[in-house]
Amino acid sequence: MSCRLLGADGEYARALQLGKAVKNAIKTRVGIALRSSVGLAPNRLLAKVASNMQKPDGLTLIRPTDLPDCLHQLELTDLPGIGKQMEKRFHRAGIFT
């Protein structure tokens, strides 16, 4: 599911409410056996990264003003599409962060 929110900071509060509502709906309909992590960010790639930052059962918001600082702690393999083999190729090319 994706949702586009633009504009004022008040919309971040609304986005967080929406994220909590999604998590609660999953918990209500499926039960506590399935935990969910929600990521909210300026684009889908960053939202995916955000959802992985607080696994399991997290809710993470990345604002444009949080960038790029919030990404400095990430490993290459924290990015979608970069697995162990791709990481090895990056390392051979001298890319580590």
PDB file of N, CA and C in Angstrom:
ATOM      1  N   MET A   1       0.843  -1.163   0.000  1.00  0.00           N
ATOM      2  CA  MET A   1       0.000   0.000   0.000  1.00  0.00           C
ATOM      3  C   MET A   1       0.891   1.230   0.000  1.00  0.00           C
ATOM      4  N   SER A   2       0.520   2.236  -0.752  1.00  0.00           N
ATOM      5  CA  SER A   2       1.260   3.487  -0.704  1.00  0.00           C
ATOM      6  C   SER A   2       0.277   4.639  -0.612  1.00  0.00           C
ATOM      7  N   CYS A   3       0.763   5.720  -0.049  1.00  0.00           N
ATOM      8  CA  CYS A   3      -0.069   6.904   0.149  1.00  0.00           C
ATOM      9  C   CYS A   3       0.838   8.110  -0.014  1.00  0.00           C
ATOM     10  N   ARG A   4       0.447   9.069  -0.804  1.00  0.00           N
ATOM     11  CA  ARG A   4       1.270  10.245  -1.032  1.00  0.00           C
ATOM     12  C   ARG A   4       0.755  11.406  -0.189  1.00  0.00           C
ATOM     13  N   LEU A   5       1.644  11.930   0.646  1.00  0.00           N
ATOM     14  CA  LEU A   5       1.322  13.086   1.474  1.00  0.00           C
ATOM     15  C   LEU A   5       2.345  14.168   1.184  1.00  0.00           C
ATOM     16  N   LEU A   6       1.893  15.346   0.921  1.00  0.00           N
ATOM     17  CA  LEU A   6       2.775  16.466   0.636  1.00  0.00           C
ATOM     18  C   LEU A   6       2.379  17.641   1.514  1.00  0.00           C
ATOM     19  N   GLY A   7       3.356  18.491   1.831  1.00  0.00           N
ATOM     20  CA  GLY A   7       2.988  19.733   2.476  1.00  0.00           C
ATOM     21  C   GLY A   7       3.451  19.882   3.905  1.00  0.00           C
ATOM     22  N   ALA A   8       2.573  20.448   4.717  1.00  0.00           N
ATOM     23  CA  ALA A   8       2.904  20.919   6.058  1.00  0.00           C
ATOM     24  C   ALA A   8       3.243  19.785   7.024  1.00  0.00           C
ATOM     25  N   ASP A   9       3.904  20.176   8.123  1.00  0.00           N
ATOM     26  CA  ASP A   9       4.282  19.211   9.154  1.00  0.00           C
ATOM     27  C   ASP A   9       3.085  18.503   9.756  1.00  0.00           C
ATOM     28  N   GLY A  10       1.923  19.144   9.764  1.00  0.00           N
ATOM     29  CA  GLY A  10       0.721  18.511  10.289  1.00  0.00           C
ATOM     30  C   GLY A  10       0.387  17.231   9.552  1.00  0.00           C
ATOM     31  N   GLU A  11       0.793  17.153   8.301  1.00  0.00           N
ATOM     32  CA  GLU A  11       0.544  15.944   7.530  1.00  0.00           C
ATOM     33  C   GLU A  11       1.419  14.789   8.000  1.00  0.00           C
ATOM     34  N   TYR A  12       2.558  15.095   8.613  1.00  0.00           N
ATOM     35  CA  TYR A  12       3.376  14.020   9.175  1.00  0.00           C
ATOM     36  C   TYR A  12       2.644  13.355  10.325  1.00  0.00           C
ATOM     37  N   ALA A  13       1.979  14.162  11.150  1.00  0.00           N
ATOM     38  CA  ALA A  13       1.189  13.600  12.250  1.00  0.00           C
ATOM     39  C   ALA A  13       0.081  12.722  11.690  1.00  0.00           C
ATOM     40  N   ARG A  14      -0.561  13.170  10.633  1.00  0.00           N
ATOM     41  CA  ARG A  14      -1.621  12.381   9.998  1.00  0.00           C
ATOM     42  C   ARG A  14      -1.047  11.094   9.404  1.00  0.00           C
ATOM     43  N   ALA A  15       0.126  11.179   8.806  1.00  0.00           N
ATOM     44  CA  ALA A  15       0.762   9.988   8.239  1.00  0.00           C
ATOM     45  C   ALA A  15       1.074   8.976   9.336  1.00  0.00           C
ATOM     46  N   LEU A  16       1.567   9.453  10.475  1.00  0.00           N
ATOM     47  CA  LEU A  16       1.844   8.550  11.593  1.00  0.00           C
ATOM     48  C   LEU A  16       0.562   7.907  12.109  1.00  0.00           C
ATOM     49  N   GLN A  17      -0.517   8.691  12.172  1.00  0.00           N
ATOM     50  CA  GLN A  17      -1.814   8.131  12.585  1.00  0.00           C
ATOM     51  C   GLN A  17      -2.242   7.034  11.617  1.00  0.00           C
ATOM     52  N   LEU A  18      -2.078   7.290  10.338  1.00  0.00           N
ATOM     53  CA  LEU A  18      -2.444   6.311   9.317  1.00  0.00           C
ATOM     54  C   LEU A  18      -1.600   5.041   9.452  1.00  0.00           C
ATOM     55  N   GLY A  19      -0.309   5.208   9.682  1.00  0.00           N
ATOM     56  CA  GLY A  19       0.575   4.065   9.883  1.00  0.00           C
ATOM     57  C   GLY A  19       0.163   3.237  11.089  1.00  0.00           C
ATOM     58  N   LYS A  20      -0.178   3.909  12.181  1.00  0.00           N
ATOM     59  CA  LYS A  20      -0.647   3.199  13.377  1.00  0.00           C
ATOM     60  C   LYS A  20      -1.955   2.478  13.103  1.00  0.00           C
ATOM     61  N   ALA A  21      -2.837   3.121  12.331  1.00  0.00           N
ATOM     62  CA  ALA A  21      -4.126   2.497  11.997  1.00  0.00           C
ATOM     63  C   ALA A  21      -3.918   1.226  11.170  1.00  0.00           C
ATOM     64  N   VAL A  22      -2.985   1.263  10.234  1.00  0.00           N
ATOM     65  CA  VAL A  22      -2.688   0.079   9.423  1.00  0.00           C
ATOM     66  C   VAL A  22      -2.165  -1.042  10.315  1.00  0.00           C
ATOM     67  N   LYS A  23      -1.223  -0.708  11.199  1.00  0.00           N
ATOM     68  CA  LYS A  23      -0.672  -1.711  12.107  1.00  0.00           C
ATOM     69  C   LYS A  23      -1.759  -2.301  13.005  1.00  0.00           C
ATOM     70  N   ASN A  24      -2.636  -1.446  13.529  1.00  0.00           N
ATOM     71  CA  ASN A  24      -3.723  -1.923  14.391  1.00  0.00           C
ATOM     72  C   ASN A  24      -4.702  -2.800  13.627  1.00  0.00           C
ATOM     73  N   ALA A  25      -4.991  -2.439  12.379  1.00  0.00           N
ATOM     74  CA  ALA A  25      -5.910  -3.242  11.567  1.00  0.00           C
ATOM     75  C   ALA A  25      -5.333  -4.634  11.317  1.00  0.00           C
ATOM     76  N   ILE A  26      -4.045  -4.703  11.046  1.00  0.00           N
ATOM     77  CA  ILE A  26      -3.399  -6.005  10.844  1.00  0.00           C
ATOM     78  C   ILE A  26      -3.477  -6.824  12.123  1.00  0.00           C
ATOM     79  N   LYS A  27      -3.171  -6.182  13.247  1.00  0.00           N
ATOM     80  CA  LYS A  27      -3.205  -6.894  14.526  1.00  0.00           C
ATOM     81  C   LYS A  27      -4.615  -7.381  14.848  1.00  0.00           C
ATOM     82  N   THR A  28      -5.623  -6.550  14.572  1.00  0.00           N
ATOM     83  CA  THR A  28      -7.011  -6.910  14.865  1.00  0.00           C
ATOM     84  C   THR A  28      -7.497  -8.042  13.972  1.00  0.00           C
ATOM     85  N   ARG A  29      -7.185  -7.964  12.691  1.00  0.00           N
ATOM     86  CA  ARG A  29      -7.715  -8.941  11.732  1.00  0.00           C
ATOM     87  C   ARG A  29      -6.928 -10.242  11.675  1.00  0.00           C
ATOM     88  N   VAL A  30      -5.621 -10.156  11.902  1.00  0.00           N
ATOM     89  CA  VAL A  30      -4.782 -11.337  11.761  1.00  0.00           C
ATOM     90  C   VAL A  30      -4.369 -11.896  13.126  1.00  0.00           C
ATOM     91  N   GLY A  31      -4.199 -11.025  14.088  1.00  0.00           N
ATOM     92  CA  GLY A  31      -3.763 -11.446  15.411  1.00  0.00           C
ATOM     93  C   GLY A  31      -2.325 -11.059  15.670  1.00  0.00           C
ATOM     94  N   ILE A  32      -1.897 -11.345  16.881  1.00  0.00           N
ATOM     95  CA  ILE A  32      -0.549 -10.931  17.284  1.00  0.00           C
ATOM     96  C   ILE A  32       0.550 -11.805  16.685  1.00  0.00           C
ATOM     97  N   ALA A  33       0.164 -12.896  16.050  1.00  0.00           N
ATOM     98  CA  ALA A  33       1.159 -13.786  15.441  1.00  0.00           C
ATOM     99  C   ALA A  33       1.888 -13.116  14.277  1.00  0.00           C
ATOM    100  N   LEU A  34       1.244 -12.152  13.633  1.00  0.00           N
ATOM    101  CA  LEU A  34       1.859 -11.448  12.504  1.00  0.00           C
ATOM    102  C   LEU A  34       2.137 -10.010  12.912  1.00  0.00           C
ATOM    103  N   ARG A  35       3.413  -9.697  13.049  1.00  0.00           N
ATOM    104  CA  ARG A  35       3.792  -8.324  13.367  1.00  0.00           C
ATOM    105  C   ARG A  35       4.111  -7.596  12.070  1.00  0.00           C
ATOM    106  N   SER A  36       3.947  -6.292  12.098  1.00  0.00           N
ATOM    107  CA  SER A  36       4.179  -5.515  10.880  1.00  0.00           C
ATOM    108  C   SER A  36       5.034  -4.301  11.196  1.00  0.00           C
ATOM    109  N   SER A  37       5.847  -3.918  10.233  1.00  0.00           N
ATOM    110  CA  SER A  37       6.638  -2.701  10.333  1.00  0.00           C
ATOM    111  C   SER A  37       6.217  -1.775   9.208  1.00  0.00           C
ATOM    112  N   VAL A  38       6.023  -0.514   9.550  1.00  0.00           N
ATOM    113  CA  VAL A  38       5.556   0.483   8.592  1.00  0.00           C
ATOM    114  C   VAL A  38       6.632   1.550   8.439  1.00  0.00           C
ATOM    115  N   GLY A  39       6.927   1.907   7.198  1.00  0.00           N
ATOM    116  CA  GLY A  39       7.876   2.967   6.910  1.00  0.00           C
ATOM    117  C   GLY A  39       7.202   4.086   6.146  1.00  0.00           C
ATOM    118  N   LEU A  40       7.416   5.303   6.594  1.00  0.00           N
ATOM    119  CA  LEU A  40       6.861   6.494   5.953  1.00  0.00           C
ATOM    120  C   LEU A  40       8.024   7.382   5.535  1.00  0.00           C
ATOM    121  N   ALA A  41       8.031   7.796   4.274  1.00  0.00           N
ATOM    122  CA  ALA A  41       9.165   8.562   3.755  1.00  0.00           C
ATOM    123  C   ALA A  41       8.752   9.298   2.483  1.00  0.00           C
ATOM    124  N   PRO A  42       9.637  10.169   1.974  1.00  0.00           N
ATOM    125  CA  PRO A  42       9.315  10.947   0.776  1.00  0.00           C
ATOM    126  C   PRO A  42       9.096  10.116  -0.488  1.00  0.00           C
ATOM    127  N   ASN A  43       9.642   8.894  -0.547  1.00  0.00           N
ATOM    128  CA  ASN A  43       9.430   8.048  -1.724  1.00  0.00           C
ATOM    129  C   ASN A  43       9.383   6.580  -1.301  1.00  0.00           C
ATOM    130  N   ARG A  44       9.031   5.712  -2.236  1.00  0.00           N
ATOM    131  CA  ARG A  44       8.855   4.290  -1.915  1.00  0.00           C
ATOM    132  C   ARG A  44      10.147   3.616  -1.460  1.00  0.00           C
ATOM    133  N   LEU A  45      11.243   3.944  -2.101  1.00  0.00           N
ATOM    134  CA  LEU A  45      12.518   3.340  -1.716  1.00  0.00           C
ATOM    135  C   LEU A  45      12.841   3.664  -0.261  1.00  0.00           C
ATOM    136  N   LEU A  46      12.753   4.936   0.104  1.00  0.00           N
ATOM    137  CA  LEU A  46      13.059   5.326   1.476  1.00  0.00           C
ATOM    138  C   LEU A  46      12.029   4.782   2.459  1.00  0.00           C
ATOM    139  N   ALA A  47      10.775   4.646   2.031  1.00  0.00           N
ATOM    140  CA  ALA A  47       9.754   4.051   2.899  1.00  0.00           C
ATOM    141  C   ALA A  47      10.093   2.593   3.184  1.00  0.00           C
ATOM    142  N   LYS A  48      10.582   1.879   2.192  1.00  0.00           N
ATOM    143  CA  LYS A  48      11.002   0.487   2.376  1.00  0.00           C
ATOM    144  C   LYS A  48      12.178   0.419   3.342  1.00  0.00           C
ATOM    145  N   VAL A  49      13.138   1.300   3.165  1.00  0.00           N
ATOM    146  CA  VAL A  49      14.281   1.360   4.073  1.00  0.00           C
ATOM    147  C   VAL A  49      13.800   1.675   5.493  1.00  0.00           C
ATOM    148  N   ALA A  50      12.895   2.641   5.616  1.00  0.00           N
ATOM    149  CA  ALA A  50      12.360   3.025   6.928  1.00  0.00           C
ATOM    150  C   ALA A  50      11.650   1.865   7.602  1.00  0.00           C
ATOM    151  N   SER A  51      10.900   1.088   6.833  1.00  0.00           N
ATOM    152  CA  SER A  51      10.166  -0.032   7.431  1.00  0.00           C
ATOM    153  C   SER A  51      11.114  -1.092   7.978  1.00  0.00           C
ATOM    154  N   ASN A  52      12.303  -1.172   7.423  1.00  0.00           N
ATOM    155  CA  ASN A  52      13.286  -2.146   7.907  1.00  0.00           C
ATOM    156  C   ASN A  52      14.104  -1.632   9.090  1.00  0.00           C
ATOM    157  N   MET A  53      14.020  -0.350   9.393  1.00  0.00           N
ATOM    158  CA  MET A  53      14.829   0.226  10.463  1.00  0.00           C
ATOM    159  C   MET A  53      14.381  -0.216  11.854  1.00  0.00           C
ATOM    160  N   GLN A  54      13.123  -0.524  12.017  1.00  0.00           N
ATOM    161  CA  GLN A  54      12.612  -0.923  13.327  1.00  0.00           C
ATOM    162  C   GLN A  54      11.853  -2.236  13.208  1.00  0.00           C
ATOM    163  N   LYS A  55      12.557  -3.281  12.860  1.00  0.00           N
ATOM    164  CA  LYS A  55      11.957  -4.606  12.753  1.00  0.00           C
ATOM    165  C   LYS A  55      12.084  -5.302  14.089  1.00  0.00           C
ATOM    166  N   PRO A  56      11.197  -6.139  14.508  1.00  0.00           N
ATOM    167  CA  PRO A  56       9.853  -6.265  13.944  1.00  0.00           C
ATOM    168  C   PRO A  56       8.909  -5.286  14.634  1.00  0.00           C
ATOM    169  N   ASP A  57       7.809  -5.048  14.035  1.00  0.00           N
ATOM    170  CA  ASP A  57       6.715  -4.304  14.657  1.00  0.00           C
ATOM    171  C   ASP A  57       7.031  -2.833  14.904  1.00  0.00           C
ATOM    172  N   GLY A  58       7.705  -2.185  13.959  1.00  0.00           N
ATOM    173  CA  GLY A  58       8.061  -0.786  14.135  1.00  0.00           C
ATOM    174  C   GLY A  58       7.240   0.153  13.273  1.00  0.00           C
ATOM    175  N   LEU A  59       7.405   1.432  13.550  1.00  0.00           N
ATOM    176  CA  LEU A  59       6.790   2.508  12.769  1.00  0.00           C
ATOM    177  C   LEU A  59       7.838   3.607  12.666  1.00  0.00           C
ATOM    178  N   THR A  60       8.359   3.833  11.470  1.00  0.00           N
ATOM    179  CA  THR A  60       9.453   4.780  11.270  1.00  0.00           C
ATOM    180  C   THR A  60       9.066   5.826  10.241  1.00  0.00           C
ATOM    181  N   LEU A  61       9.335   7.076  10.570  1.00  0.00           N
ATOM    182  CA  LEU A  61       9.081   8.201   9.670  1.00  0.00           C
ATOM    183  C   LEU A  61      10.413   8.834   9.300  1.00  0.00           C
ATOM    184  N   ILE A  62      10.670   8.955   8.007  1.00  0.00           N
ATOM    185  CA  ILE A  62      11.828   9.700   7.507  1.00  0.00           C
ATOM    186  C   ILE A  62      11.288  10.942   6.815  1.00  0.00           C
ATOM    187  N   ARG A  63      11.638  12.094   7.364  1.00  0.00           N
ATOM    188  CA  ARG A  63      11.254  13.371   6.753  1.00  0.00           C
ATOM    189  C   ARG A  63      12.387  13.826   5.825  1.00  0.00           C
ATOM    190  N   PRO A  64      12.081  14.656   4.849  1.00  0.00           N
ATOM    191  CA  PRO A  64      13.153  15.172   3.987  1.00  0.00           C
ATOM    192  C   PRO A  64      14.266  15.843   4.787  1.00  0.00           C
ATOM    193  N   THR A  65      13.913  16.480   5.910  1.00  0.00           N
ATOM    194  CA  THR A  65      14.926  17.146   6.733  1.00  0.00           C
ATOM    195  C   THR A  65      15.807  16.154   7.492  1.00  0.00           C
ATOM    196  N   ASP A  66      15.384  14.880   7.574  1.00  0.00           N
ATOM    197  CA  ASP A  66      16.185  13.842   8.235  1.00  0.00           C
ATOM    198  C   ASP A  66      17.302  13.327   7.331  1.00  0.00           C
ATOM    199  N   LEU A  67      17.215  13.663   6.055  1.00  0.00           N
ATOM    200  CA  LEU A  67      18.152  13.149   5.058  1.00  0.00           C
ATOM    201  C   LEU A  67      19.361  14.054   4.916  1.00  0.00           C
ATOM    202  N   PRO A  68      20.517  13.551   4.660  1.00  0.00           N
ATOM    203  CA  PRO A  68      20.888  12.148   4.527  1.00  0.00           C
ATOM    204  C   PRO A  68      21.317  11.513   5.848  1.00  0.00           C
ATOM    205  N   ASP A  69      21.287  12.283   6.941  1.00  0.00           N
ATOM    206  CA  ASP A  69      21.842  11.813   8.214  1.00  0.00           C
ATOM    207  C   ASP A  69      21.296  10.462   8.663  1.00  0.00           C
ATOM    208  N   CYS A  70      20.000  10.231   8.488  1.00  0.00           N
ATOM    209  CA  CYS A  70      19.411   8.979   8.978  1.00  0.00           C
ATOM    210  C   CYS A  70      19.893   7.766   8.187  1.00  0.00           C
ATOM    211  N   LEU A  71      20.522   7.987   7.054  1.00  0.00           N
ATOM    212  CA  LEU A  71      20.987   6.871   6.226  1.00  0.00           C
ATOM    213  C   LEU A  71      22.440   6.479   6.507  1.00  0.00           C
ATOM    214  N   HIS A  72      23.169   7.317   7.226  1.00  0.00           N
ATOM    215  CA  HIS A  72      24.597   7.059   7.450  1.00  0.00           C
ATOM    216  C   HIS A  72      24.860   5.776   8.224  1.00  0.00           C
ATOM    217  N   GLN A  73      23.936   5.369   9.078  1.00  0.00           N
ATOM    218  CA  GLN A  73      24.149   4.173   9.899  1.00  0.00           C
ATOM    219  C   GLN A  73      23.896   2.880   9.130  1.00  0.00           C
ATOM    220  N   LEU A  74      23.341   2.971   7.939  1.00  0.00           N
ATOM    221  CA  LEU A  74      22.944   1.778   7.194  1.00  0.00           C
ATOM    222  C   LEU A  74      24.133   1.074   6.553  1.00  0.00           C
ATOM    223  N   GLU A  75      24.015  -0.240   6.476  1.00  0.00           N
ATOM    224  CA  GLU A  75      24.957  -1.052   5.711  1.00  0.00           C
ATOM    225  C   GLU A  75      24.445  -1.118   4.270  1.00  0.00           C
ATOM    226  N   LEU A  76      25.301  -1.485   3.342  1.00  0.00           N
ATOM    227  CA  LEU A  76      24.865  -1.621   1.948  1.00  0.00           C
ATOM    228  C   LEU A  76      23.701  -2.596   1.829  1.00  0.00           C
ATOM    229  N   THR A  77      23.751  -3.684   2.598  1.00  0.00           N
ATOM    230  CA  THR A  77      22.707  -4.713   2.508  1.00  0.00           C
ATOM    231  C   THR A  77      21.387  -4.279   3.139  1.00  0.00           C
ATOM    232  N   ASP A  78      21.364  -3.120   3.785  1.00  0.00           N
ATOM    233  CA  ASP A  78      20.108  -2.583   4.309  1.00  0.00           C
ATOM    234  C   ASP A  78      19.270  -1.946   3.200  1.00  0.00           C
ATOM    235  N   LEU A  79      19.870  -1.765   2.039  1.00  0.00           N
ATOM    236  CA  LEU A  79      19.156  -1.163   0.917  1.00  0.00           C
ATOM    237  C   LEU A  79      18.493  -2.252   0.079  1.00  0.00           C
ATOM    238  N   PRO A  80      17.250  -2.023  -0.340  1.00  0.00           N
ATOM    239  CA  PRO A  80      16.547  -3.029  -1.154  1.00  0.00           C
ATOM    240  C   PRO A  80      17.326  -3.357  -2.424  1.00  0.00           C
ATOM    241  N   GLY A  81      17.426  -4.647  -2.708  1.00  0.00           N
ATOM    242  CA  GLY A  81      18.095  -5.086  -3.923  1.00  0.00           C
ATOM    243  C   GLY A  81      19.575  -5.363  -3.764  1.00  0.00           C
ATOM    244  N   ILE A  82      20.130  -5.069  -2.592  1.00  0.00           N
ATOM    245  CA  ILE A  82      21.549  -5.332  -2.370  1.00  0.00           C
ATOM    246  C   ILE A  82      21.673  -6.477  -1.373  1.00  0.00           C
ATOM    247  N   GLY A  83      22.018  -7.648  -1.910  1.00  0.00           N
ATOM    248  CA  GLY A  83      22.239  -8.833  -1.086  1.00  0.00           C
ATOM    249  C   GLY A  83      23.721  -9.050  -0.876  1.00  0.00           C
ATOM    250  N   LYS A  84      24.055 -10.209  -0.353  1.00  0.00           N
ATOM    251  CA  LYS A  84      25.460 -10.518  -0.046  1.00  0.00           C
ATOM    252  C   LYS A  84      26.338 -10.535  -1.301  1.00  0.00           C
ATOM    253  N   GLN A  85      25.825 -11.085  -2.405  1.00  0.00           N
ATOM    254  CA  GLN A  85      26.624 -11.144  -3.633  1.00  0.00           C
ATOM    255  C   GLN A  85      26.877  -9.749  -4.197  1.00  0.00           C
ATOM    256  N   MET A  86      25.844  -8.916  -4.208  1.00  0.00           N
ATOM    257  CA  MET A  86      26.019  -7.545  -4.704  1.00  0.00           C
ATOM    258  C   MET A  86      26.953  -6.769  -3.778  1.00  0.00           C
ATOM    259  N   GLU A  87      26.844  -7.021  -2.488  1.00  0.00           N
ATOM    260  CA  GLU A  87      27.736  -6.361  -1.535  1.00  0.00           C
ATOM    261  C   GLU A  87      29.192  -6.715  -1.841  1.00  0.00           C
ATOM    262  N   LYS A  88      29.460  -7.977  -2.152  1.00  0.00           N
ATOM    263  CA  LYS A  88      30.821  -8.396  -2.509  1.00  0.00           C
ATOM    264  C   LYS A  88      31.317  -7.654  -3.744  1.00  0.00           C
ATOM    265  N   ARG A  89      30.440  -7.481  -4.721  1.00  0.00           N
ATOM    266  CA  ARG A  89      30.828  -6.757  -5.942  1.00  0.00           C
ATOM    267  C   ARG A  89      31.153  -5.301  -5.620  1.00  0.00           C
ATOM    268  N   PHE A  90      30.342  -4.690  -4.764  1.00  0.00           N
ATOM    269  CA  PHE A  90      30.627  -3.313  -4.346  1.00  0.00           C
ATOM    270  C   PHE A  90      31.974  -3.241  -3.626  1.00  0.00           C
ATOM    271  N   HIS A  91      32.222  -4.179  -2.733  1.00  0.00           N
ATOM    272  CA  HIS A  91      33.481  -4.173  -1.991  1.00  0.00           C
ATOM    273  C   HIS A  91      34.674  -4.321  -2.927  1.00  0.00           C
ATOM    274  N   ARG A  92      34.550  -5.203  -3.922  1.00  0.00           N
ATOM    275  CA  ARG A  92      35.641  -5.351  -4.904  1.00  0.00           C
ATOM    276  C   ARG A  92      35.879  -4.047  -5.660  1.00  0.00           C
ATOM    277  N   ALA A  93      34.821  -3.261  -5.827  1.00  0.00           N
ATOM    278  CA  ALA A  93      34.947  -1.977  -6.526  1.00  0.00           C
ATOM    279  C   ALA A  93      35.371  -0.847  -5.583  1.00  0.00           C
ATOM    280  N   GLY A  94      35.580  -1.189  -4.299  1.00  0.00           N
ATOM    281  CA  GLY A  94      36.024  -0.177  -3.341  1.00  0.00           C
ATOM    282  C   GLY A  94      34.900   0.608  -2.697  1.00  0.00           C
ATOM    283  N   ILE A  95      33.676   0.134  -2.828  1.00  0.00           N
ATOM    284  CA  ILE A  95      32.512   0.818  -2.250  1.00  0.00           C
ATOM    285  C   ILE A  95      32.094   0.067  -0.996  1.00  0.00           C
ATOM    286  N   PHE A  96      32.124   0.772   0.128  1.00  0.00           N
ATOM    287  CA  PHE A  96      31.803   0.132   1.402  1.00  0.00           C
ATOM    288  C   PHE A  96      30.637   0.791   2.125  1.00  0.00           C
ATOM    289  N   THR A  97      30.332   2.024   1.794  1.00  0.00           N
ATOM    290  CA  THR A  97      29.207   2.712   2.447  1.00  0.00           C
ATOM    291  C   THR A  97      28.409   3.481   1.429  1.00  0.00           C
TER     292      THR A  97
END
